[in-house]
PDB file of N, CA and C in Angstrom:
ATOM      1  N   MET A   1     -10.438 -40.698   4.459  1.00  0.00           N
ATOM      2  CA  MET A   1     -10.635 -39.363   4.446  1.00  0.00           C
ATOM      3  C   MET A   1      -9.355 -38.761   3.707  1.00  0.00           C
ATOM      4  N   ASP A   2      -9.412 -37.934   2.919  1.00  0.00           N
ATOM      5  CA  ASP A   2      -8.168 -37.301   1.990  1.00  0.00           C
ATOM      6  C   ASP A   2      -7.821 -36.066   2.882  1.00  0.00           C
ATOM      7  N   TRP A   3      -6.848 -36.110   3.658  1.00  0.00           N
ATOM      8  CA  TRP A   3      -6.281 -35.124   4.367  1.00  0.00           C
ATOM      9  C   TRP A   3      -5.789 -33.932   3.581  1.00  0.00           C
ATOM     10  N   ASN A   4      -5.503 -34.141   2.282  1.00  0.00           N
ATOM     11  CA  ASN A   4      -5.155 -33.013   1.400  1.00  0.00           C
ATOM     12  C   ASN A   4      -6.332 -32.093   1.282  1.00  0.00           C
ATOM     13  N   LYS A   5      -7.444 -32.664   0.967  1.00  0.00           N
ATOM     14  CA  LYS A   5      -8.734 -31.954   0.855  1.00  0.00           C
ATOM     15  C   LYS A   5      -9.125 -31.265   2.114  1.00  0.00           C
ATOM     16  N   VAL A   6      -9.149 -31.865   3.282  1.00  0.00           N
ATOM     17  CA  VAL A   6      -9.441 -31.307   4.483  1.00  0.00           C
ATOM     18  C   VAL A   6      -8.562 -30.160   4.765  1.00  0.00           C
ATOM     19  N   GLY A   7      -7.246 -30.326   4.576  1.00  0.00           N
ATOM     20  CA  GLY A   7      -6.280 -29.207   4.753  1.00  0.00           C
ATOM     21  C   GLY A   7      -6.689 -28.061   3.934  1.00  0.00           C
ATOM     22  N   ARG A   8      -7.020 -28.215   2.617  1.00  0.00           N
ATOM     23  CA  ARG A   8      -7.353 -27.100   1.716  1.00  0.00           C
ATOM     24  C   ARG A   8      -8.632 -26.543   2.181  1.00  0.00           C
ATOM     25  N   TRP A   9      -9.521 -27.218   2.653  1.00  0.00           N
ATOM     26  CA  TRP A   9     -10.940 -26.514   3.132  1.00  0.00           C
ATOM     27  C   TRP A   9     -10.552 -25.681   4.464  1.00  0.00           C
ATOM     28  N   VAL A  10      -9.663 -26.269   5.318  1.00  0.00           N
ATOM     29  CA  VAL A  10      -9.326 -25.455   6.477  1.00  0.00           C
ATOM     30  C   VAL A  10      -8.509 -24.245   6.120  1.00  0.00           C
ATOM     31  N   LEU A  11      -7.640 -24.442   5.141  1.00  0.00           N
ATOM     32  CA  LEU A  11      -6.853 -23.178   4.713  1.00  0.00           C
ATOM     33  C   LEU A  11      -7.645 -22.154   4.102  1.00  0.00           C
ATOM     34  N   LEU A  12      -8.706 -22.574   3.281  1.00  0.00           N
ATOM     35  CA  LEU A  12      -9.765 -21.662   2.659  1.00  0.00           C
ATOM     36  C   LEU A  12     -10.567 -20.929   3.747  1.00  0.00           C
ATOM     37  N   ALA A  13     -10.926 -21.658   4.712  1.00  0.00           N
ATOM     38  CA  ALA A  13     -11.706 -21.067   5.833  1.00  0.00           C
ATOM     39  C   ALA A  13     -11.027 -20.096   6.573  1.00  0.00           C
ATOM     40  N   GLY A  14      -9.830 -20.495   6.902  1.00  0.00           N
ATOM     41  CA  GLY A  14      -8.900 -19.578   7.657  1.00  0.00           C
ATOM     42  C   GLY A  14      -8.483 -18.332   6.860  1.00  0.00           C
ATOM     43  N   SER A  15      -8.322 -18.399   5.512  1.00  0.00           N
ATOM     44  CA  SER A  15      -7.876 -17.345   4.793  1.00  0.00           C
ATOM     45  C   SER A  15      -9.084 -16.331   4.638  1.00  0.00           C
ATOM     46  N   VAL A  16     -10.249 -16.909   4.459  1.00  0.00           N
ATOM     47  CA  VAL A  16     -11.433 -15.984   4.287  1.00  0.00           C
ATOM     48  C   VAL A  16     -11.695 -15.237   5.557  1.00  0.00           C
ATOM     49  N   ALA A  17     -11.611 -16.031   6.746  1.00  0.00           N
ATOM     50  CA  ALA A  17     -11.871 -15.426   8.020  1.00  0.00           C
ATOM     51  C   ALA A  17     -10.875 -14.391   8.250  1.00  0.00           C
ATOM     52  N   LEU A  18      -9.664 -14.512   7.827  1.00  0.00           N
ATOM     53  CA  LEU A  18      -8.631 -13.402   8.036  1.00  0.00           C
ATOM     54  C   LEU A  18      -8.869 -12.337   7.229  1.00  0.00           C
ATOM     55  N   GLY A  19      -9.325 -12.491   5.887  1.00  0.00           N
ATOM     56  CA  GLY A  19      -9.712 -11.483   5.099  1.00  0.00           C
ATOM     57  C   GLY A  19     -10.875 -10.652   5.599  1.00  0.00           C
ATOM     58  N   VAL A  20     -11.840 -11.289   6.140  1.00  0.00           N
ATOM     59  CA  VAL A  20     -13.162 -10.759   6.624  1.00  0.00           C
ATOM     60  C   VAL A  20     -12.660  -9.933   7.872  1.00  0.00           C
ATOM     61  N   LEU A  21     -11.777 -10.319   8.739  1.00  0.00           N
ATOM     62  CA  LEU A  21     -11.366  -9.652   9.878  1.00  0.00           C
ATOM     63  C   LEU A  21     -10.744  -8.405   9.362  1.00  0.00           C
ATOM     64  N   ALA A  22      -9.774  -8.443   8.365  1.00  0.00           N
ATOM     65  CA  ALA A  22      -9.210  -7.276   7.914  1.00  0.00           C
ATOM     66  C   ALA A  22     -10.272  -6.351   7.308  1.00  0.00           C
ATOM     67  N   GLY A  23     -11.352  -6.891   6.623  1.00  0.00           N
ATOM     68  CA  GLY A  23     -12.412  -5.973   6.221  1.00  0.00           C
ATOM     69  C   GLY A  23     -13.071  -5.218   7.439  1.00  0.00           C
ATOM     70  N   LEU A  24     -13.307  -6.002   8.572  1.00  0.00           N
ATOM     71  CA  LEU A  24     -13.812  -5.502   9.644  1.00  0.00           C
ATOM     72  C   LEU A  24     -13.046  -4.310  10.231  1.00  0.00           C
ATOM     73  N   GLY A  25     -11.765  -4.476  10.186  1.00  0.00           N
ATOM     74  CA  GLY A  25     -10.859  -3.477  10.603  1.00  0.00           C
ATOM     75  C   GLY A  25     -11.019  -2.254   9.824  1.00  0.00           C
ATOM     76  N   GLY A  26     -11.144  -2.286   8.512  1.00  0.00           N
ATOM     77  CA  GLY A  26     -11.227  -1.271   7.558  1.00  0.00           C
ATOM     78  C   GLY A  26     -12.638  -0.598   7.953  1.00  0.00           C
ATOM     79  N   LEU A  27     -13.620  -1.346   8.227  1.00  0.00           N
ATOM     80  CA  LEU A  27     -14.959  -0.836   8.426  1.00  0.00           C
ATOM     81  C   LEU A  27     -14.888   0.109   9.754  1.00  0.00           C
ATOM     82  N   TRP A  28     -14.150  -0.556  10.711  1.00  0.00           N
ATOM     83  CA  TRP A  28     -13.982   0.130  12.004  1.00  0.00           C
ATOM     84  C   TRP A  28     -13.336   1.356  11.855  1.00  0.00           C
ATOM     85  N   ILE A  29     -12.208   1.386  11.001  1.00  0.00           N
ATOM     86  CA  ILE A  29     -11.545   2.643  10.763  1.00  0.00           C
ATOM     87  C   ILE A  29     -12.488   3.585  10.085  1.00  0.00           C
ATOM     88  N   PHE A  30     -13.234   3.305   9.115  1.00  0.00           N
ATOM     89  CA  PHE A  30     -14.209   4.103   8.295  1.00  0.00           C
ATOM     90  C   PHE A  30     -15.203   4.783   9.332  1.00  0.00           C
ATOM     91  N   GLU A  31     -15.819   3.893  10.251  1.00  0.00           N
ATOM     92  CA  GLU A  31     -16.748   4.338  11.193  1.00  0.00           C
ATOM     93  C   GLU A  31     -16.166   5.448  12.209  1.00  0.00           C
ATOM     94  N   ALA A  32     -14.897   5.174  12.524  1.00  0.00           N
ATOM     95  CA  ALA A  32     -14.173   6.052  13.486  1.00  0.00           C
ATOM     96  C   ALA A  32     -13.739   7.324  12.953  1.00  0.00           C
ATOM     97  N   LYS A  33     -13.449   7.373  11.538  1.00  0.00           N
ATOM     98  CA  LYS A  33     -12.822   8.553  11.028  1.00  0.00           C
ATOM     99  C   LYS A  33     -13.809   9.337  10.233  1.00  0.00           C
ATOM    100  N   VAL A  34     -14.869   8.796   9.729  1.00  0.00           N
ATOM    101  CA  VAL A  34     -15.909   9.680   9.135  1.00  0.00           C
ATOM    102  C   VAL A  34     -16.848  10.121  10.170  1.00  0.00           C
ATOM    103  N   PRO A  35     -17.171  11.453  10.095  1.00  0.00           N
ATOM    104  CA  PRO A  35     -17.949  12.064  11.211  1.00  0.00           C
ATOM    105  C   PRO A  35     -19.378  11.491  10.998  1.00  0.00           C
ATOM    106  N   ALA A  36     -20.062  11.337  12.103  1.00  0.00           N
ATOM    107  CA  ALA A  36     -21.512  10.838  12.185  1.00  0.00           C
ATOM    108  C   ALA A  36     -22.525  11.789  11.250  1.00  0.00           C
ATOM    109  N   ALA A  37     -22.198  13.080  11.271  1.00  0.00           N
ATOM    110  CA  ALA A  37     -22.969  13.981  10.356  1.00  0.00           C
ATOM    111  C   ALA A  37     -22.816  13.624   8.855  1.00  0.00           C
ATOM    112  N   MET A  38     -21.814  13.122   8.392  1.00  0.00           N
ATOM    113  CA  MET A  38     -21.533  12.784   7.114  1.00  0.00           C
ATOM    114  C   MET A  38     -21.987  11.349   6.726  1.00  0.00           C
ATOM    115  N   GLN A  39     -22.297  10.562   7.627  1.00  0.00           N
ATOM    116  CA  GLN A  39     -22.783   9.190   7.446  1.00  0.00           C
ATOM    117  C   GLN A  39     -24.256   9.187   7.198  1.00  0.00           C
ATOM    118  N   THR A  40     -24.679   8.500   6.203  1.00  0.00           N
ATOM    119  CA  THR A  40     -26.122   8.231   6.082  1.00  0.00           C
ATOM    120  C   THR A  40     -26.292   6.722   6.138  1.00  0.00           C
ATOM    121  N   THR A  41     -27.684   6.271   6.369  1.00  0.00           N
ATOM    122  CA  THR A  41     -27.785   4.901   6.395  1.00  0.00           C
ATOM    123  C   THR A  41     -27.308   4.119   5.228  1.00  0.00           C
ATOM    124  N   VAL A  42     -27.574   4.851   4.137  1.00  0.00           N
ATOM    125  CA  VAL A  42     -27.099   4.247   2.816  1.00  0.00           C
ATOM    126  C   VAL A  42     -25.575   3.977   2.641  1.00  0.00           C
ATOM    127  N   SER A  43     -24.846   5.138   3.043  1.00  0.00           N
ATOM    128  CA  SER A  43     -23.361   4.968   2.942  1.00  0.00           C
ATOM    129  C   SER A  43     -22.859   4.094   3.997  1.00  0.00           C
ATOM    130  N   SER A  44     -23.365   3.945   5.190  1.00  0.00           N
ATOM    131  CA  SER A  44     -22.989   3.087   6.202  1.00  0.00           C
ATOM    132  C   SER A  44     -23.206   1.664   5.618  1.00  0.00           C
ATOM    133  N   ALA A  45     -24.410   1.337   5.103  1.00  0.00           N
ATOM    134  CA  ALA A  45     -24.663   0.052   4.595  1.00  0.00           C
ATOM    135  C   ALA A  45     -23.785  -0.283   3.421  1.00  0.00           C
ATOM    136  N   GLU A  46     -23.568   0.603   2.442  1.00  0.00           N
ATOM    137  CA  GLU A  46     -22.682   0.292   1.374  1.00  0.00           C
ATOM    138  C   GLU A  46     -21.066   0.114   1.861  1.00  0.00           C
ATOM    139  N   ALA A  47     -20.767   0.989   2.792  1.00  0.00           N
ATOM    140  CA  ALA A  47     -19.344   0.745   3.364  1.00  0.00           C
ATOM    141  C   ALA A  47     -19.297  -0.688   3.989  1.00  0.00           C
ATOM    142  N   ARG A  48     -20.259  -1.141   4.696  1.00  0.00           N
ATOM    143  CA  ARG A  48     -20.307  -2.335   5.345  1.00  0.00           C
ATOM    144  C   ARG A  48     -20.116  -3.512   4.313  1.00  0.00           C
ATOM    145  N   VAL A  49     -20.944  -3.343   3.189  1.00  0.00           N
ATOM    146  CA  VAL A  49     -20.853  -4.342   2.070  1.00  0.00           C
ATOM    147  C   VAL A  49     -19.525  -4.196   1.335  1.00  0.00           C
ATOM    148  N   TYR A  50     -19.106  -3.178   1.207  1.00  0.00           N
ATOM    149  CA  TYR A  50     -17.799  -2.925   0.476  1.00  0.00           C
ATOM    150  C   TYR A  50     -16.687  -3.624   1.282  1.00  0.00           C
ATOM    151  N   TYR A  51     -16.519  -3.152   2.559  1.00  0.00           N
ATOM    152  CA  TYR A  51     -15.426  -3.643   3.308  1.00  0.00           C
ATOM    153  C   TYR A  51     -15.384  -5.166   3.511  1.00  0.00           C
ATOM    154  N   LEU A  52     -16.520  -5.633   3.780  1.00  0.00           N
ATOM    155  CA  LEU A  52     -16.692  -7.146   4.030  1.00  0.00           C
ATOM    156  C   LEU A  52     -16.306  -7.767   2.669  1.00  0.00           C
ATOM    157  N   GLY A  53     -16.931  -7.334   1.563  1.00  0.00           N
ATOM    158  CA  GLY A  53     -16.634  -7.939   0.254  1.00  0.00           C
ATOM    159  C   GLY A  53     -15.191  -7.924  -0.083  1.00  0.00           C
ATOM    160  N   ALA A  54     -14.630  -6.772   0.119  1.00  0.00           N
ATOM    161  CA  ALA A  54     -13.263  -6.636  -0.256  1.00  0.00           C
ATOM    162  C   ALA A  54     -12.412  -7.620   0.846  1.00  0.00           C
ATOM    163  N   GLY A  55     -12.683  -7.673   2.055  1.00  0.00           N
ATOM    164  CA  GLY A  55     -12.180  -8.540   2.899  1.00  0.00           C
ATOM    165  C   GLY A  55     -12.321 -10.081   2.596  1.00  0.00           C
ATOM    166  N   ALA A  56     -13.510 -10.470   2.112  1.00  0.00           N
ATOM    167  CA  ALA A  56     -13.637 -11.754   1.656  1.00  0.00           C
ATOM    168  C   ALA A  56     -12.733 -11.986   0.293  1.00  0.00           C
ATOM    169  N   ALA A  57     -12.631 -11.090  -0.570  1.00  0.00           N
ATOM    170  CA  ALA A  57     -11.709 -11.012  -1.816  1.00  0.00           C
ATOM    171  C   ALA A  57     -10.362 -11.287  -1.350  1.00  0.00           C
ATOM    172  N   LEU A  58      -9.926 -10.443  -0.262  1.00  0.00           N
ATOM    173  CA  LEU A  58      -8.565 -10.583   0.236  1.00  0.00           C
ATOM    174  C   LEU A  58      -8.358 -11.978   0.745  1.00  0.00           C
ATOM    175  N   GLY A  59      -9.297 -12.585   1.361  1.00  0.00           N
ATOM    176  CA  GLY A  59      -9.115 -13.927   1.841  1.00  0.00           C
ATOM    177  C   GLY A  59      -9.012 -14.886   0.795  1.00  0.00           C
ATOM    178  N   PHE A  60      -9.656 -14.782  -0.330  1.00  0.00           N
ATOM    179  CA  PHE A  60      -9.415 -15.646  -1.496  1.00  0.00           C
ATOM    180  C   PHE A  60      -7.930 -15.483  -2.041  1.00  0.00           C
ATOM    181  N   VAL A  61      -7.458 -14.176  -2.130  1.00  0.00           N
ATOM    182  CA  VAL A  61      -6.096 -14.030  -2.654  1.00  0.00           C
ATOM    183  C   VAL A  61      -5.191 -14.586  -1.627  1.00  0.00           C
ATOM    184  N   ILE A  62      -5.309 -14.472  -0.405  1.00  0.00           N
ATOM    185  CA  ILE A  62      -4.422 -15.081   0.593  1.00  0.00           C
ATOM    186  C   ILE A  62      -4.337 -16.634   0.528  1.00  0.00           C
ATOM    187  N   TYR A  63      -5.633 -17.181   0.100  1.00  0.00           N
ATOM    188  CA  TYR A  63      -5.772 -18.579   0.007  1.00  0.00           C
ATOM    189  C   TYR A  63      -4.961 -18.957  -1.328  1.00  0.00           C
ATOM    190  N   ALA A  64      -5.099 -18.231  -2.466  1.00  0.00           N
ATOM    191  CA  ALA A  64      -4.420 -18.419  -3.705  1.00  0.00           C
ATOM    192  C   ALA A  64      -2.917 -18.438  -3.435  1.00  0.00           C
ATOM    193  N   TRP A  65      -2.447 -17.456  -2.751  1.00  0.00           N
ATOM    194  CA  TRP A  65      -0.911 -17.338  -2.575  1.00  0.00           C
ATOM    195  C   TRP A  65      -0.441 -18.420  -1.625  1.00  0.00           C
ATOM    196  N   ALA A  66      -1.227 -18.805  -0.689  1.00  0.00           N
ATOM    197  CA  ALA A  66      -0.754 -20.054   0.238  1.00  0.00           C
ATOM    198  C   ALA A  66      -0.809 -21.337  -0.621  1.00  0.00           C
ATOM    199  N   LEU A  67      -1.726 -21.507  -1.483  1.00  0.00           N
ATOM    200  CA  LEU A  67      -1.774 -22.670  -2.403  1.00  0.00           C
ATOM    201  C   LEU A  67      -0.485 -22.614  -3.344  1.00  0.00           C
ATOM    202  N   LEU A  68      -0.156 -21.507  -3.727  1.00  0.00           N
ATOM    203  CA  LEU A  68       0.843 -21.402  -4.711  1.00  0.00           C
ATOM    204  C   LEU A  68       2.283 -21.735  -3.981  1.00  0.00           C
ATOM    205  N   GLY A  69       2.369 -21.227  -2.766  1.00  0.00           N
ATOM    206  CA  GLY A  69       3.492 -21.534  -1.921  1.00  0.00           C
ATOM    207  C   GLY A  69       3.673 -22.904  -1.559  1.00  0.00           C
ATOM    208  N   VAL A  70       2.514 -23.576  -1.225  1.00  0.00           N
ATOM    209  CA  VAL A  70       2.633 -25.073  -0.926  1.00  0.00           C
ATOM    210  C   VAL A  70       3.011 -25.755  -2.237  1.00  0.00           C
ATOM    211  N   ALA A  71       2.343 -25.486  -3.367  1.00  0.00           N
ATOM    212  CA  ALA A  71       2.738 -26.080  -4.545  1.00  0.00           C
ATOM    213  C   ALA A  71       4.246 -26.013  -5.004  1.00  0.00           C
ATOM    214  N   ILE A  72       4.704 -24.706  -4.776  1.00  0.00           N
ATOM    215  CA  ILE A  72       6.168 -24.450  -5.061  1.00  0.00           C
ATOM    216  C   ILE A  72       6.991 -25.398  -4.137  1.00  0.00           C
ATOM    217  N   ALA A  73       6.725 -25.288  -2.729  1.00  0.00           N
ATOM    218  CA  ALA A  73       7.492 -26.015  -1.887  1.00  0.00           C
ATOM    219  C   ALA A  73       7.485 -27.394  -2.077  1.00  0.00           C
ATOM    220  N   GLY A  74       6.342 -28.014  -2.415  1.00  0.00           N
ATOM    221  CA  GLY A  74       6.050 -29.321  -2.696  1.00  0.00           C
ATOM    222  C   GLY A  74       6.921 -29.906  -3.825  1.00  0.00           C
ATOM    223  N   ARG A  75       6.841 -29.170  -4.866  1.00  0.00           N
ATOM    224  CA  ARG A  75       7.684 -29.387  -6.076  1.00  0.00           C
ATOM    225  C   ARG A  75       9.270 -29.355  -5.737  1.00  0.00           C
ATOM    226  N   SER A  76       9.625 -28.449  -5.041  1.00  0.00           N
ATOM    227  CA  SER A  76      11.066 -28.203  -4.683  1.00  0.00           C
ATOM    228  C   SER A  76      11.496 -29.372  -3.876  1.00  0.00           C
ATOM    229  N   ALA A  77      10.800 -29.791  -2.848  1.00  0.00           N
ATOM    230  CA  ALA A  77      11.145 -30.932  -2.065  1.00  0.00           C
ATOM    231  C   ALA A  77      11.160 -32.178  -2.743  1.00  0.00           C
ATOM    232  N   ALA A  78      10.178 -32.391  -3.666  1.00  0.00           N
ATOM    233  CA  ALA A  78      10.067 -33.715  -4.560  1.00  0.00           C
ATOM    234  C   ALA A  78      11.271 -33.560  -5.550  1.00  0.00           C
ATOM    235  N   ALA A  79      11.706 -32.438  -6.070  1.00  0.00           N
ATOM    236  CA  ALA A  79      12.874 -32.470  -6.989  1.00  0.00           C
ATOM    237  C   ALA A  79      14.107 -32.836  -6.336  1.00  0.00           C
ATOM    238  N   LYS A  80      14.188 -32.317  -5.023  1.00  0.00           N
ATOM    239  CA  LYS A  80      15.487 -32.559  -4.095  1.00  0.00           C
ATOM    240  C   LYS A  80      15.350 -34.016  -3.955  1.00  0.00           C
ATOM    241  N   ALA A  81      14.476 -34.585  -3.548  1.00  0.00           N
ATOM    242  CA  ALA A  81      14.322 -36.008  -3.290  1.00  0.00           C
ATOM    243  C   ALA A  81      14.719 -36.907  -4.355  1.00  0.00           C
ATOM    244  N   ARG A  82      14.197 -36.614  -5.746  1.00  0.00           N
ATOM    245  CA  ARG A  82      14.649 -37.255  -6.794  1.00  0.00           C
ATOM    246  C   ARG A  82      16.117 -37.182  -7.076  1.00  0.00           C
ATOM    247  N   ARG A  83      16.494 -35.933  -6.923  1.00  0.00           N
ATOM    248  CA  ARG A  83      18.064 -35.781  -7.232  1.00  0.00           C
ATOM    249  C   ARG A  83      18.958 -36.579  -6.218  1.00  0.00           C
ATOM    250  N   GLU A  84      18.497 -36.623  -4.959  1.00  0.00           N
ATOM    251  CA  GLU A  84      19.210 -37.440  -3.985  1.00  0.00           C
ATOM    252  C   GLU A  84      19.133 -38.946  -4.412  1.00  0.00           C
ATOM    253  N   LEU A  85      17.911 -39.391  -4.814  1.00  0.00           N
ATOM    254  CA  LEU A  85      17.817 -40.815  -5.091  1.00  0.00           C
ATOM    255  C   LEU A  85      18.624 -41.191  -6.501  1.00  0.00           C
ATOM    256  N   ALA A  86      18.626 -40.235  -7.303  1.00  0.00           N
ATOM    257  CA  ALA A  86      19.373 -40.533  -8.501  1.00  0.00           C
ATOM    258  C   ALA A  86      20.890 -40.703  -8.236  1.00  0.00           C
ATOM    259  N   LYS A  87      21.381 -39.938  -7.279  1.00  0.00           N
ATOM    260  CA  LYS A  87      22.822 -39.940  -6.949  1.00  0.00           C
ATOM    261  C   LYS A  87      23.266 -41.359  -6.342  1.00  0.00           C
ATOM    262  N   LYS A  88      22.258 -42.030  -5.676  1.00  0.00           N
ATOM    263  CA  LYS A  88      22.429 -43.313  -5.072  1.00  0.00           C
ATOM    264  C   LYS A  88      22.439 -44.505  -6.054  1.00  0.00           C
TER     265      LYS A  88
END
């Protein structure tokens, strides 16, 4: 089993879950702040789709930034190890 791939899948699932939770938080704020008289069935459904979709997109952005950070850190550590080996 390739643990790199497993780690990436876990990171993706966690990032998207975090993004969806952020979207749910935005939806909760929308429902709390917009008066019930101003909400229609259509606007409530559209808001739910919008906030959850935006949350999922945020999750993918979090995933991309995390992978970028891992790649930079990996290259930095590898470069440091090569420099140390070259000194010996």
